[in-house]
Structure formats: structure tokens, C-alpha cells
Protein backbone atom coordinates (compact mmCIF):
# COMPACT_ATOMS: atom_id res chain seq x y z
CA UNK A 1 5.52 10.82 -5.69
CA UNK A 2 8.95 12.32 -6.34
CA UNK A 3 7.79 15.51 -4.63
CA UNK A 4 6.85 13.51 -1.54
CA UNK A 5 10.29 11.92 -1.44
CA UNK A 6 11.97 15.31 -1.86
CA UNK A 7 9.85 16.73 1.00
CA UNK A 8 11.74 14.44 3.38
CA UNK A 9 14.73 16.74 3.08
CA UNK A 10 18.23 15.50 3.74
CA UNK A 11 18.58 12.37 5.80
CA UNK A 12 22.35 12.72 6.03
CA UNK A 13 23.72 13.00 9.54
CA UNK A 14 20.89 10.91 11.00
CA UNK A 15 21.33 7.45 12.38
CA UNK A 16 20.13 4.75 10.02
CA UNK A 17 17.38 3.86 12.47
CA UNK A 18 16.10 7.46 12.56
CA UNK A 19 16.27 7.79 8.77
CA UNK A 20 14.25 4.58 8.38
CA UNK A 21 11.68 5.83 10.91
CA UNK A 22 11.40 9.17 9.11
CA UNK A 23 10.83 7.49 5.75
CA UNK A 24 8.23 5.12 7.21
CA UNK A 25 6.43 7.91 9.09
CA UNK A 26 6.40 10.55 6.35
CA UNK A 27 6.03 8.52 3.14
CA UNK A 28 2.61 6.93 2.84
CA UNK A 29 3.09 5.01 -0.41
CA UNK A 30 4.55 1.57 0.33
CA UNK A 31 6.28 1.29 -3.05
CA UNK A 32 7.99 4.67 -2.60
CA UNK A 33 8.98 3.74 0.97
CA UNK A 34 10.59 0.54 -0.29
CA UNK A 35 12.40 2.33 -3.12
CA UNK A 36 13.83 4.93 -0.72
CA UNK A 37 14.88 2.31 1.81
CA UNK A 38 16.63 0.24 -0.88
CA UNK A 39 18.51 3.37 -1.98
CA UNK A 40 19.59 4.47 1.51
CA UNK A 41 23.36 4.41 2.03
CA UNK A 42 25.04 3.70 5.37
CA UNK A 43 25.64 7.45 5.84
CA UNK A 44 21.90 8.03 5.19
CA UNK A 45 22.48 9.68 1.83
CA UNK A 46 20.40 8.40 -1.05
CA UNK A 47 21.96 6.59 -3.99
CA UNK A 48 19.56 8.36 -6.35
CA UNK A 49 19.57 12.06 -7.19
CA UNK A 50 15.95 13.02 -6.51
CA UNK A 51 16.44 16.58 -7.74
CA UNK A 52 17.76 15.37 -11.11
CA UNK A 53 14.86 12.93 -11.47
CA UNK A 54 12.37 15.68 -10.62
CA UNK A 55 13.88 18.13 -13.11
CA UNK A 56 14.04 15.57 -15.92
CA UNK A 57 10.97 13.44 -15.36
CA UNK A 58 9.40 14.37 -18.72
CA UNK A 59 12.44 12.77 -20.39
CA UNK A 60 12.50 9.71 -18.12
CA UNK A 61 8.92 8.48 -17.78
CA UNK A 62 6.91 6.82 -20.49
CA UNK A 63 7.93 5.30 -23.75
CA UNK A 64 7.58 6.77 -27.23
CA UNK A 65 4.90 5.43 -29.57
CA UNK A 66 6.56 3.34 -32.26
CA UNK A 67 5.02 2.19 -35.51
CA UNK A 68 7.61 -0.45 -36.30
CA UNK A 69 9.48 -3.33 -34.65
CA UNK A 70 13.23 -3.40 -34.09
CA UNK A 71 14.61 -6.77 -35.21
CA UNK A 72 18.33 -6.15 -34.62
CA UNK A 73 20.65 -7.12 -31.81
CA UNK A 74 20.59 -5.23 -28.53
CA UNK A 75 22.55 -5.16 -25.30
CA UNK A 76 21.13 -5.67 -21.83
CA UNK A 77 22.74 -4.02 -18.83
CA UNK A 78 22.86 -5.62 -15.42
CA UNK A 79 24.31 -3.71 -12.47
CA UNK A 80 27.39 -5.09 -10.72
CA UNK A 81 25.47 -5.23 -7.43
CA UNK A 82 22.09 -6.08 -8.93
CA UNK A 83 19.90 -8.49 -7.02
CA UNK A 84 18.39 -9.75 -10.27
CA UNK A 85 19.23 -13.19 -11.56
CA UNK A 86 22.14 -13.62 -13.90
CA UNK A 87 20.99 -12.87 -17.45
CA UNK A 88 23.47 -15.32 -18.96
CA UNK A 89 21.55 -18.17 -17.34
CA UNK A 90 18.33 -17.24 -19.12
CA UNK A 91 18.32 -18.96 -22.51
CA UNK A 92 15.19 -17.14 -23.75
CA UNK A 93 17.33 -14.06 -24.48
CA UNK A 94 19.47 -15.95 -26.97
CA UNK A 95 18.59 -17.55 -30.29
């Protein structure tokens, strides 16, 4: 799917309305459409670096097979502008 997103070319310099139309007309997959639209800046640049994702996808996708369980502490990151609920309010993450 990343190749399909890259085939759009640059959207910069377009009006937001035209960029949205181009994404909706040229990207068939609804999930990919939504992801691109959520990452579209006001100047029609994308917040994500598609080229970097494409070049490094073998390092990004999947999860290594593990034969043990990690029982230690870990940190969870939440973006400053994330739409997800506040993690501090979710008691199941704390013992």
C-alpha cells in the first residue's frame, strides 16, 4: 500500500480540497485513504515521510518471535496532539 500512497506524488501547492479529492480518487483502500487524510497538513504536505517508510519497511513491520516474557517496567508514549484517551486515567496499566 505504501507504493500506492507514493504514486500520488507531491500534494504540496494544491488546495486542501483538491488534495482530498486526489487522495479519494486515486487511493482505493479506505484505510489508506483515512491514514493519508489524517496526516495531511494545511499546506498539503504529509506529516509522514513515505519514502523513509518505504525504504525501511523491513525494519518497521512485524514483531520478532520471542520465547520469553518481559516482566519489568516499561514506558508508554502518548503524542502531545494524540486523539487517544489519557493513559493516566486507565488504571489497568498500573499495579
